[in-house]
Amino acid sequence: MTIVDFDAERTYDDEKFLTVEVSRSEQMKVVCGYFEPGQFIPIHAPSSDVVIDVRSGTGLIRDGDAEHRVEPGDVVTVGADTDRGVKADDDSRLEALLVTAPPPTDAEHEPVRRGLRTDEFDPTDT
């Protein structure tokens, strides 16, 4: 069993969102995500389901072609092979617990790396 104090793990970076890995197995990956205002996880579509539990702040979550406004207490699920991304509002930090099953591969995260390099929330448009 793993027990993590979400508040004690809190870490922010002025350059990009940060995650703190809580747990990983072949079946699942759990991270605490910390976003400064305007920071994001670029849109990508890995072969894994994700559950996003918004703990504080406000933002949006992309689910396919739809964008959903989120706030504390919201729990969002996005199915495997569906475009997804997370973005903090420009005036709010965002904190969320993200659970992916199974964990995405390194190759599936290439759009995330590309979007962070180019500062694009939706690198799939290029």
N, C-alpha and C. Protein backbone atom coordinates (compact mmCIF):
# COMPACT_ATOMS: atom_id res chain seq x y z
N MET A 1 0.84 -1.17 0.00
CA MET A 1 0.00 0.00 0.00
C MET A 1 0.89 1.24 0.00
N THR A 2 0.48 2.24 -0.76
CA THR A 2 1.19 3.51 -0.81
C THR A 2 0.29 4.60 -0.26
N ILE A 3 0.81 5.39 0.66
CA ILE A 3 0.08 6.53 1.19
C ILE A 3 0.92 7.77 0.91
N VAL A 4 0.30 8.77 0.29
CA VAL A 4 1.01 10.00 -0.06
C VAL A 4 0.21 11.18 0.46
N ASP A 5 0.92 12.13 1.03
CA ASP A 5 0.31 13.39 1.46
C ASP A 5 0.38 14.35 0.28
N PHE A 6 -0.76 14.56 -0.39
CA PHE A 6 -0.82 15.38 -1.60
C PHE A 6 -0.21 16.76 -1.34
N ASP A 7 -0.53 17.34 -0.20
CA ASP A 7 -0.02 18.68 0.12
C ASP A 7 1.49 18.68 0.34
N ALA A 8 2.00 17.65 0.97
CA ALA A 8 3.44 17.58 1.24
C ALA A 8 4.25 17.40 -0.05
N GLU A 9 3.66 16.79 -1.07
CA GLU A 9 4.35 16.56 -2.35
C GLU A 9 4.32 17.79 -3.26
N ARG A 10 3.52 18.78 -2.92
CA ARG A 10 3.28 19.95 -3.77
C ARG A 10 4.61 20.59 -4.18
N THR A 11 4.79 20.71 -5.51
CA THR A 11 5.96 21.33 -6.10
C THR A 11 5.52 22.03 -7.38
N TYR A 12 5.98 23.25 -7.57
CA TYR A 12 5.65 23.99 -8.79
C TYR A 12 6.93 24.38 -9.51
N ASP A 13 6.80 24.61 -10.81
CA ASP A 13 7.91 25.04 -11.65
C ASP A 13 7.38 26.15 -12.54
N ASP A 14 8.13 27.24 -12.65
CA ASP A 14 7.68 28.36 -13.48
C ASP A 14 7.64 28.02 -14.97
N GLU A 15 8.40 27.00 -15.38
CA GLU A 15 8.52 26.68 -16.80
C GLU A 15 7.45 25.73 -17.32
N LYS A 16 7.08 24.70 -16.53
CA LYS A 16 6.11 23.72 -17.01
C LYS A 16 5.45 23.02 -15.82
N PHE A 17 4.34 22.37 -16.10
CA PHE A 17 3.65 21.62 -15.06
C PHE A 17 4.60 20.56 -14.48
N LEU A 18 4.35 20.18 -13.25
CA LEU A 18 5.16 19.13 -12.62
C LEU A 18 4.26 18.01 -12.14
N THR A 19 4.79 16.80 -12.20
CA THR A 19 4.09 15.66 -11.63
C THR A 19 5.01 14.97 -10.64
N VAL A 20 4.39 14.44 -9.61
CA VAL A 20 5.09 13.63 -8.64
C VAL A 20 4.48 12.23 -8.72
N GLU A 21 5.29 11.26 -9.14
CA GLU A 21 4.78 9.90 -9.27
C GLU A 21 4.53 9.30 -7.89
N VAL A 22 3.32 8.81 -7.70
CA VAL A 22 2.91 8.22 -6.42
C VAL A 22 3.09 6.72 -6.47
N SER A 23 2.71 6.13 -7.61
CA SER A 23 2.73 4.68 -7.72
C SER A 23 2.79 4.31 -9.20
N ARG A 24 3.45 3.17 -9.49
CA ARG A 24 3.50 2.67 -10.87
C ARG A 24 3.58 1.16 -10.83
N SER A 25 2.79 0.56 -11.71
CA SER A 25 2.86 -0.88 -11.93
C SER A 25 2.68 -1.09 -13.43
N GLU A 26 2.67 -2.34 -13.86
CA GLU A 26 2.41 -2.60 -15.28
C GLU A 26 0.98 -2.22 -15.65
N GLN A 27 0.08 -2.20 -14.68
CA GLN A 27 -1.33 -1.93 -14.93
C GLN A 27 -1.75 -0.48 -14.75
N MET A 28 -0.98 0.31 -13.94
CA MET A 28 -1.48 1.63 -13.57
C MET A 28 -0.33 2.55 -13.17
N LYS A 29 -0.54 3.86 -13.42
CA LYS A 29 0.38 4.89 -12.97
C LYS A 29 -0.45 5.97 -12.29
N VAL A 30 0.02 6.45 -11.12
CA VAL A 30 -0.68 7.47 -10.36
C VAL A 30 0.29 8.62 -10.10
N VAL A 31 -0.12 9.85 -10.46
CA VAL A 31 0.71 11.02 -10.22
C VAL A 31 -0.11 12.15 -9.62
N CYS A 32 0.56 12.97 -8.83
CA CYS A 32 0.01 14.25 -8.38
C CYS A 32 0.49 15.28 -9.38
N GLY A 33 -0.43 16.06 -9.95
CA GLY A 33 -0.07 17.07 -10.94
C GLY A 33 -0.25 18.47 -10.39
N TYR A 34 0.76 19.32 -10.63
CA TYR A 34 0.76 20.69 -10.12
C TYR A 34 1.03 21.65 -11.28
N PHE A 35 0.09 22.54 -11.53
CA PHE A 35 0.13 23.45 -12.68
C PHE A 35 0.09 24.90 -12.20
N GLU A 36 1.04 25.70 -12.62
CA GLU A 36 0.95 27.14 -12.43
C GLU A 36 -0.11 27.67 -13.40
N PRO A 37 -0.62 28.89 -13.19
CA PRO A 37 -1.61 29.44 -14.12
C PRO A 37 -1.13 29.34 -15.57
N GLY A 38 -2.02 28.85 -16.42
CA GLY A 38 -1.74 28.74 -17.85
C GLY A 38 -0.93 27.52 -18.26
N GLN A 39 -0.37 26.78 -17.34
CA GLN A 39 0.41 25.60 -17.72
C GLN A 39 -0.50 24.45 -18.13
N PHE A 40 0.07 23.51 -18.87
CA PHE A 40 -0.76 22.45 -19.45
C PHE A 40 0.02 21.18 -19.71
N ILE A 41 -0.76 20.10 -19.84
CA ILE A 41 -0.28 18.85 -20.43
C ILE A 41 -0.80 18.88 -21.86
N PRO A 42 0.08 18.94 -22.85
CA PRO A 42 -0.38 19.01 -24.24
C PRO A 42 -1.26 17.82 -24.63
N ILE A 43 -2.08 18.05 -25.60
CA ILE A 43 -3.01 17.04 -26.09
C ILE A 43 -2.24 15.89 -26.72
N HIS A 44 -2.65 14.69 -26.34
CA HIS A 44 -2.08 13.46 -26.86
C HIS A 44 -3.14 12.38 -26.70
N ALA A 45 -2.94 11.22 -27.30
CA ALA A 45 -3.96 10.16 -27.28
C ALA A 45 -3.32 8.80 -27.02
N PRO A 46 -2.85 8.58 -25.80
CA PRO A 46 -2.23 7.28 -25.51
C PRO A 46 -3.26 6.16 -25.42
N SER A 47 -2.76 4.95 -25.45
CA SER A 47 -3.63 3.75 -25.37
C SER A 47 -3.90 3.39 -23.92
N SER A 48 -4.34 4.37 -23.15
CA SER A 48 -4.67 4.13 -21.75
C SER A 48 -5.85 5.01 -21.35
N ASP A 49 -6.60 4.51 -20.39
CA ASP A 49 -7.67 5.31 -19.79
C ASP A 49 -7.03 6.23 -18.77
N VAL A 50 -7.67 7.38 -18.51
CA VAL A 50 -7.18 8.27 -17.46
C VAL A 50 -8.36 8.76 -16.63
N VAL A 51 -8.11 8.88 -15.33
CA VAL A 51 -9.04 9.49 -14.39
C VAL A 51 -8.33 10.70 -13.83
N ILE A 52 -8.99 11.86 -13.86
CA ILE A 52 -8.41 13.10 -13.36
C ILE A 52 -9.32 13.62 -12.25
N ASP A 53 -8.78 13.68 -11.04
CA ASP A 53 -9.51 14.16 -9.87
C ASP A 53 -8.97 15.55 -9.55
N VAL A 54 -9.78 16.58 -9.82
CA VAL A 54 -9.36 17.96 -9.59
C VAL A 54 -9.45 18.27 -8.10
N ARG A 55 -8.31 18.62 -7.51
CA ARG A 55 -8.26 18.87 -6.07
C ARG A 55 -8.36 20.35 -5.74
N SER A 56 -7.76 21.21 -6.58
CA SER A 56 -7.87 22.65 -6.36
C SER A 56 -7.64 23.38 -7.66
N GLY A 57 -8.13 24.62 -7.71
CA GLY A 57 -7.96 25.44 -8.90
C GLY A 57 -9.01 25.16 -9.95
N THR A 58 -8.86 25.84 -11.08
CA THR A 58 -9.79 25.69 -12.19
C THR A 58 -9.01 25.56 -13.49
N GLY A 59 -9.67 24.96 -14.48
CA GLY A 59 -9.02 24.80 -15.76
C GLY A 59 -9.94 24.11 -16.75
N LEU A 60 -9.33 23.49 -17.74
CA LEU A 60 -10.11 22.73 -18.71
C LEU A 60 -9.42 21.42 -19.01
N ILE A 61 -10.24 20.47 -19.39
CA ILE A 61 -9.75 19.16 -19.79
C ILE A 61 -10.33 18.87 -21.16
N ARG A 62 -9.45 18.51 -22.09
CA ARG A 62 -9.88 18.13 -23.43
C ARG A 62 -10.20 16.65 -23.42
N ASP A 63 -11.33 16.31 -24.00
CA ASP A 63 -11.80 14.92 -24.15
C ASP A 63 -12.27 14.79 -25.58
N GLY A 64 -11.40 14.28 -26.44
CA GLY A 64 -11.73 14.23 -27.86
C GLY A 64 -11.83 15.65 -28.39
N ASP A 65 -12.95 16.00 -29.01
CA ASP A 65 -13.15 17.35 -29.53
C ASP A 65 -13.79 18.28 -28.50
N ALA A 66 -14.21 17.74 -27.36
CA ALA A 66 -14.90 18.55 -26.34
C ALA A 66 -13.90 19.08 -25.30
N GLU A 67 -14.18 20.28 -24.80
CA GLU A 67 -13.42 20.85 -23.70
C GLU A 67 -14.36 21.03 -22.53
N HIS A 68 -13.96 20.56 -21.36
CA HIS A 68 -14.79 20.61 -20.16
C HIS A 68 -14.14 21.52 -19.13
N ARG A 69 -14.88 22.50 -18.63
CA ARG A 69 -14.40 23.34 -17.53
C ARG A 69 -14.40 22.50 -16.27
N VAL A 70 -13.35 22.61 -15.46
CA VAL A 70 -13.26 21.82 -14.23
C VAL A 70 -12.92 22.71 -13.05
N GLU A 71 -13.33 22.21 -11.88
CA GLU A 71 -13.07 22.90 -10.61
C GLU A 71 -12.92 21.84 -9.53
N PRO A 72 -12.54 22.25 -8.31
CA PRO A 72 -12.32 21.27 -7.25
C PRO A 72 -13.54 20.37 -7.05
N GLY A 73 -13.25 19.08 -6.89
CA GLY A 73 -14.30 18.08 -6.70
C GLY A 73 -14.72 17.38 -7.97
N ASP A 74 -14.34 17.93 -9.14
CA ASP A 74 -14.69 17.28 -10.40
C ASP A 74 -13.78 16.08 -10.63
N VAL A 75 -14.37 15.01 -11.14
CA VAL A 75 -13.63 13.82 -11.54
C VAL A 75 -13.98 13.57 -13.00
N VAL A 76 -12.95 13.52 -13.84
CA VAL A 76 -13.13 13.36 -15.28
C VAL A 76 -12.46 12.07 -15.72
N THR A 77 -13.11 11.32 -16.58
CA THR A 77 -12.50 10.13 -17.18
C THR A 77 -12.43 10.32 -18.69
N VAL A 78 -11.32 9.90 -19.27
CA VAL A 78 -11.15 9.93 -20.73
C VAL A 78 -10.65 8.56 -21.13
N GLY A 79 -11.31 7.97 -22.12
CA GLY A 79 -10.97 6.64 -22.57
C GLY A 79 -9.68 6.58 -23.38
N ALA A 80 -9.17 5.38 -23.50
CA ALA A 80 -7.96 5.13 -24.28
C ALA A 80 -8.13 5.58 -25.72
N ASP A 81 -7.02 5.97 -26.33
CA ASP A 81 -6.95 6.37 -27.74
C ASP A 81 -7.81 7.60 -28.05
N THR A 82 -8.11 8.40 -27.04
CA THR A 82 -8.89 9.63 -27.21
C THR A 82 -7.98 10.81 -26.90
N ASP A 83 -8.04 11.84 -27.77
CA ASP A 83 -7.26 13.05 -27.49
C ASP A 83 -7.61 13.57 -26.12
N ARG A 84 -6.56 13.93 -25.34
CA ARG A 84 -6.77 14.48 -24.01
C ARG A 84 -5.67 15.47 -23.70
N GLY A 85 -6.00 16.42 -22.85
CA GLY A 85 -5.03 17.40 -22.36
C GLY A 85 -5.62 18.08 -21.14
N VAL A 86 -4.77 18.68 -20.34
CA VAL A 86 -5.19 19.38 -19.13
C VAL A 86 -4.54 20.75 -19.14
N LYS A 87 -5.33 21.80 -18.84
CA LYS A 87 -4.78 23.16 -18.84
C LYS A 87 -5.35 23.95 -17.69
N ALA A 88 -4.46 24.55 -16.89
CA ALA A 88 -4.89 25.44 -15.81
C ALA A 88 -5.37 26.76 -16.40
N ASP A 89 -6.38 27.35 -15.78
CA ASP A 89 -6.81 28.68 -16.20
C ASP A 89 -5.66 29.66 -16.02
N ASP A 90 -5.71 30.76 -16.77
CA ASP A 90 -4.64 31.76 -16.72
C ASP A 90 -4.54 32.46 -15.37
N ASP A 91 -5.59 32.38 -14.56
CA ASP A 91 -5.59 33.08 -13.27
C ASP A 91 -5.66 32.13 -12.08
N SER A 92 -5.32 30.85 -12.29
CA SER A 92 -5.48 29.89 -11.20
C SER A 92 -4.46 28.76 -11.31
N ARG A 93 -3.85 28.42 -10.18
CA ARG A 93 -3.10 27.18 -10.13
C ARG A 93 -4.11 26.04 -10.21
N LEU A 94 -3.66 24.89 -10.67
CA LEU A 94 -4.50 23.71 -10.76
C LEU A 94 -3.73 22.55 -10.15
N GLU A 95 -4.42 21.78 -9.32
CA GLU A 95 -3.83 20.57 -8.75
C GLU A 95 -4.78 19.42 -8.99
N ALA A 96 -4.22 18.30 -9.43
CA ALA A 96 -5.07 17.15 -9.75
C ALA A 96 -4.31 15.85 -9.50
N LEU A 97 -5.06 14.82 -9.18
CA LEU A 97 -4.55 13.46 -9.11
C LEU A 97 -4.90 12.80 -10.43
N LEU A 98 -3.90 12.23 -11.11
CA LEU A 98 -4.12 11.60 -12.41
C LEU A 98 -3.76 10.12 -12.31
N VAL A 99 -4.69 9.27 -12.74
CA VAL A 99 -4.49 7.83 -12.73
C VAL A 99 -4.64 7.34 -14.16
N THR A 100 -3.59 6.71 -14.70
CA THR A 100 -3.65 6.15 -16.05
C THR A 100 -3.50 4.65 -15.98
N ALA A 101 -4.28 3.96 -16.81
CA ALA A 101 -4.24 2.50 -16.83
C ALA A 101 -4.42 2.00 -18.25
N PRO A 102 -3.44 1.27 -18.77
CA PRO A 102 -2.08 1.08 -18.25
C PRO A 102 -1.27 2.37 -18.44
N PRO A 103 -0.06 2.44 -17.87
CA PRO A 103 0.76 3.64 -18.05
C PRO A 103 1.07 3.87 -19.52
N PRO A 104 1.03 5.12 -19.98
CA PRO A 104 1.40 5.41 -21.37
C PRO A 104 2.86 5.06 -21.63
N THR A 105 3.15 4.74 -22.87
CA THR A 105 4.54 4.46 -23.25
C THR A 105 5.28 5.76 -23.50
N ASP A 106 6.58 5.66 -23.55
CA ASP A 106 7.41 6.83 -23.86
C ASP A 106 7.04 7.39 -25.23
N ALA A 107 6.85 6.53 -26.22
CA ALA A 107 6.50 6.98 -27.57
C ALA A 107 5.16 7.71 -27.58
N GLU A 108 4.20 7.25 -26.76
CA GLU A 108 2.89 7.90 -26.72
C GLU A 108 2.97 9.30 -26.11
N HIS A 109 4.04 9.59 -25.40
CA HIS A 109 4.21 10.91 -24.80
C HIS A 109 5.00 11.88 -25.67
N GLU A 110 5.38 11.46 -26.89
CA GLU A 110 6.10 12.37 -27.79
C GLU A 110 5.29 13.65 -28.07
N PRO A 111 3.97 13.58 -28.33
CA PRO A 111 3.22 14.84 -28.52
C PRO A 111 3.27 15.75 -27.29
N VAL A 112 3.37 15.17 -26.11
CA VAL A 112 3.49 15.99 -24.89
C VAL A 112 4.83 16.72 -24.91
N ARG A 113 5.90 16.02 -25.18
CA ARG A 113 7.22 16.66 -25.24
C ARG A 113 7.26 17.73 -26.32
N ARG A 114 6.69 17.44 -27.50
CA ARG A 114 6.67 18.41 -28.60
C ARG A 114 5.87 19.65 -28.21
N GLY A 115 4.71 19.45 -27.60
CA GLY A 115 3.88 20.58 -27.18
C GLY A 115 4.56 21.44 -26.13
N LEU A 116 5.30 20.81 -25.22
CA LEU A 116 6.02 21.59 -24.20
C LEU A 116 7.17 22.37 -24.83
N ARG A 117 7.87 21.75 -25.81
CA ARG A 117 8.97 22.45 -26.48
C ARG A 117 8.47 23.67 -27.25
N THR A 118 7.31 23.53 -27.89
CA THR A 118 6.78 24.59 -28.75
C THR A 118 5.74 25.45 -28.06
N ASP A 119 5.45 25.16 -26.79
CA ASP A 119 4.45 25.89 -25.99
C ASP A 119 3.08 25.85 -26.66
N GLU A 120 2.68 24.64 -27.13
CA GLU A 120 1.39 24.44 -27.78
C GLU A 120 0.55 23.46 -26.98
N PHE A 121 -0.63 23.89 -26.59
CA PHE A 121 -1.56 22.98 -25.90
C PHE A 121 -1.99 21.86 -26.84
N ASP A 122 -2.17 22.19 -28.13
CA ASP A 122 -2.62 21.18 -29.08
C ASP A 122 -1.58 21.00 -30.19
N PRO A 123 -0.51 20.24 -29.92
CA PRO A 123 0.51 20.01 -30.94
C PRO A 123 0.03 19.10 -32.06
N THR A 124 -1.17 18.50 -31.92
CA THR A 124 -1.70 17.63 -32.98
C THR A 124 -2.22 18.45 -34.15
N ASP A 125 -2.38 19.79 -33.96
CA ASP A 125 -2.85 20.66 -35.05
C ASP A 125 -1.78 20.92 -36.09
N THR A 126 -0.51 20.63 -35.75
CA THR A 126 0.58 20.97 -36.67
C THR A 126 1.01 19.79 -37.49
